[in-house]
Amino acid sequence: MNLDKPPTAFTITRLDTPLGIIKVEGEWSWSNTVSATQTDARLSISSLDIMGTDGWVALDLKLPNTCALIEKLNVQIVEHLQKR
C-alpha cells in the first residue's frame, strides 16, 4: 500500500542559503508519517533562479552544475517548506 501524500506545488520567492539567494518552484511530496524529515521528502524542481549582481539569473536545470547545486540545496529547501 502506498502511504505517500500526493505532490504539492510550491513557490519560494526568496531563500537565503549558504550558496546564495535563490528563487525556486516545483513540487514536493513526503511520506505519510507524523512528521516529515529530509530523508522522506522528495523534490521536483521546475524552475531555479539565483541572485546575481544584476538581478535574478535563471539556471538551466539540465546542466550538470545546476543538478549538483540542486542536490546541495535540497536540505535547505525541504526545511523551508516544512516550516510553512
C-alpha atoms as a PDB file:
ATOM      1  CA  MET A   1       0.000   0.000   0.000  1.00  0.00           C
ATOM      2  CA  ASN A   2       1.328   3.450  -0.923  1.00  0.00           C
ATOM      3  CA  LEU A   3       1.018   5.830   2.030  1.00  0.00           C
ATOM      4  CA  ASP A   4       2.753   8.753   0.336  1.00  0.00           C
ATOM      5  CA  LYS A   5       0.922  12.045   0.046  1.00  0.00           C
ATOM      6  CA  PRO A   6       0.396  13.409  -3.488  1.00  0.00           C
ATOM      7  CA  PRO A   7       2.890  16.059  -4.648  1.00  0.00           C
ATOM      8  CA  THR A   8       2.194  19.626  -3.557  1.00  0.00           C
ATOM      9  CA  ALA A   9       3.189  22.588  -5.736  1.00  0.00           C
ATOM     10  CA  PHE A  10       5.388  25.217  -4.095  1.00  0.00           C
ATOM     11  CA  THR A  11       6.960  28.575  -4.886  1.00  0.00           C
ATOM     12  CA  ILE A  12       9.712  30.100  -2.772  1.00  0.00           C
ATOM     13  CA  THR A  13      10.221  33.690  -3.881  1.00  0.00           C
ATOM     14  CA  ARG A  14      13.430  34.254  -1.926  1.00  0.00           C
ATOM     15  CA  LEU A  15      15.517  31.894   0.184  1.00  0.00           C
ATOM     16  CA  ASP A  16      18.886  32.812   1.686  1.00  0.00           C
ATOM     17  CA  THR A  17      21.201  29.791   1.591  1.00  0.00           C
ATOM     18  CA  PRO A  18      24.932  29.311   2.193  1.00  0.00           C
ATOM     19  CA  LEU A  19      25.283  29.002  -1.613  1.00  0.00           C
ATOM     20  CA  GLY A  20      23.443  32.223  -2.432  1.00  0.00           C
ATOM     21  CA  ILE A  21      19.966  33.717  -2.583  1.00  0.00           C
ATOM     22  CA  ILE A  22      17.621  31.552  -4.642  1.00  0.00           C
ATOM     23  CA  LYS A  23      14.103  31.571  -6.055  1.00  0.00           C
ATOM     24  CA  VAL A  24      12.642  28.112  -6.707  1.00  0.00           C
ATOM     25  CA  GLU A  25       9.426  26.493  -7.949  1.00  0.00           C
ATOM     26  CA  GLY A  26       8.402  22.871  -8.126  1.00  0.00           C
ATOM     27  CA  GLU A  27       6.555  20.103  -6.337  1.00  0.00           C
ATOM     28  CA  TRP A  28       7.344  18.180  -3.195  1.00  0.00           C
ATOM     29  CA  SER A  29       5.940  15.107  -1.533  1.00  0.00           C
ATOM     30  CA  TRP A  30       6.661  13.307   1.692  1.00  0.00           C
ATOM     31  CA  SER A  31       5.840  10.057   3.397  1.00  0.00           C
ATOM     32  CA  ASN A  32       2.678   9.805   5.430  1.00  0.00           C
ATOM     33  CA  THR A  33       4.367   9.933   8.850  1.00  0.00           C
ATOM     34  CA  VAL A  34       3.802  12.011  11.959  1.00  0.00           C
ATOM     35  CA  SER A  35       6.464  14.485  10.826  1.00  0.00           C
ATOM     36  CA  ALA A  36       8.363  14.635   7.561  1.00  0.00           C
ATOM     37  CA  THR A  37      12.147  14.632   7.549  1.00  0.00           C
ATOM     38  CA  GLN A  38      14.666  15.432   4.867  1.00  0.00           C
ATOM     39  CA  THR A  39      15.134  11.728   4.181  1.00  0.00           C
ATOM     40  CA  ASP A  40      11.493  11.014   3.350  1.00  0.00           C
ATOM     41  CA  ALA A  41      10.767  14.191   1.360  1.00  0.00           C
ATOM     42  CA  ARG A  42      11.090  14.285  -2.428  1.00  0.00           C
ATOM     43  CA  LEU A  43      11.564  17.437  -4.509  1.00  0.00           C
ATOM     44  CA  SER A  44      10.878  18.013  -8.179  1.00  0.00           C
ATOM     45  CA  ILE A  45      12.293  21.390  -9.210  1.00  0.00           C
ATOM     46  CA  SER A  46      10.734  23.078 -12.258  1.00  0.00           C
ATOM     47  CA  SER A  47      12.479  26.467 -12.009  1.00  0.00           C
ATOM     48  CA  LEU A  48      15.585  27.694 -10.178  1.00  0.00           C
ATOM     49  CA  ASP A  49      16.982  31.215 -10.196  1.00  0.00           C
ATOM     50  CA  ILE A  50      19.925  32.594  -8.250  1.00  0.00           C
ATOM     51  CA  MET A  51      20.556  36.216  -7.374  1.00  0.00           C
ATOM     52  CA  GLY A  52      23.356  37.640  -9.482  1.00  0.00           C
ATOM     53  CA  THR A  53      24.938  41.083  -9.341  1.00  0.00           C
ATOM     54  CA  ASP A  54      22.325  42.448 -11.798  1.00  0.00           C
ATOM     55  CA  GLY A  55      19.258  40.571 -10.529  1.00  0.00           C
ATOM     56  CA  TRP A  56      17.819  37.068 -10.906  1.00  0.00           C
ATOM     57  CA  VAL A  57      19.627  34.614 -13.185  1.00  0.00           C
ATOM     58  CA  ALA A  58      17.606  31.624 -14.444  1.00  0.00           C
ATOM     59  CA  LEU A  59      19.577  28.373 -14.260  1.00  0.00           C
ATOM     60  CA  ASP A  60      19.314  25.607 -16.858  1.00  0.00           C
ATOM     61  CA  LEU A  61      18.025  22.585 -14.930  1.00  0.00           C
ATOM     62  CA  LYS A  62      19.618  20.181 -17.428  1.00  0.00           C
ATOM     63  CA  LEU A  63      23.202  21.290 -16.820  1.00  0.00           C
ATOM     64  CA  PRO A  64      25.343  19.104 -14.517  1.00  0.00           C
ATOM     65  CA  ASN A  65      26.416  22.074 -12.372  1.00  0.00           C
ATOM     66  CA  THR A  66      22.784  23.054 -11.792  1.00  0.00           C
ATOM     67  CA  CYS A  67      21.893  19.463 -10.855  1.00  0.00           C
ATOM     68  CA  ALA A  68      24.776  19.453  -8.360  1.00  0.00           C
ATOM     69  CA  LEU A  69      23.571  22.774  -6.934  1.00  0.00           C
ATOM     70  CA  ILE A  70      20.034  21.393  -6.515  1.00  0.00           C
ATOM     71  CA  GLU A  71      21.425  18.387  -4.635  1.00  0.00           C
ATOM     72  CA  LYS A  72      23.312  20.723  -2.297  1.00  0.00           C
ATOM     73  CA  LEU A  73      20.209  22.885  -1.720  1.00  0.00           C
ATOM     74  CA  ASN A  74      17.724  20.048  -1.102  1.00  0.00           C
ATOM     75  CA  VAL A  75      18.039  20.159   2.693  1.00  0.00           C
ATOM     76  CA  GLN A  76      17.539  23.936   2.908  1.00  0.00           C
ATOM     77  CA  ILE A  77      14.544  23.844   0.552  1.00  0.00           C
ATOM     78  CA  VAL A  78      12.841  20.988   2.431  1.00  0.00           C
ATOM     79  CA  GLU A  79      13.463  22.650   5.806  1.00  0.00           C
ATOM     80  CA  HIS A  80      11.911  25.866   4.487  1.00  0.00           C
ATOM     81  CA  LEU A  81       8.870  24.010   3.153  1.00  0.00           C
ATOM     82  CA  GLN A  82       8.364  22.155   6.432  1.00  0.00           C
ATOM     83  CA  LYS A  83       8.224  25.461   8.352  1.00  0.00           C
ATOM     84  CA  ARG A  84       5.294  26.751   6.256  1.00  0.00           C
END
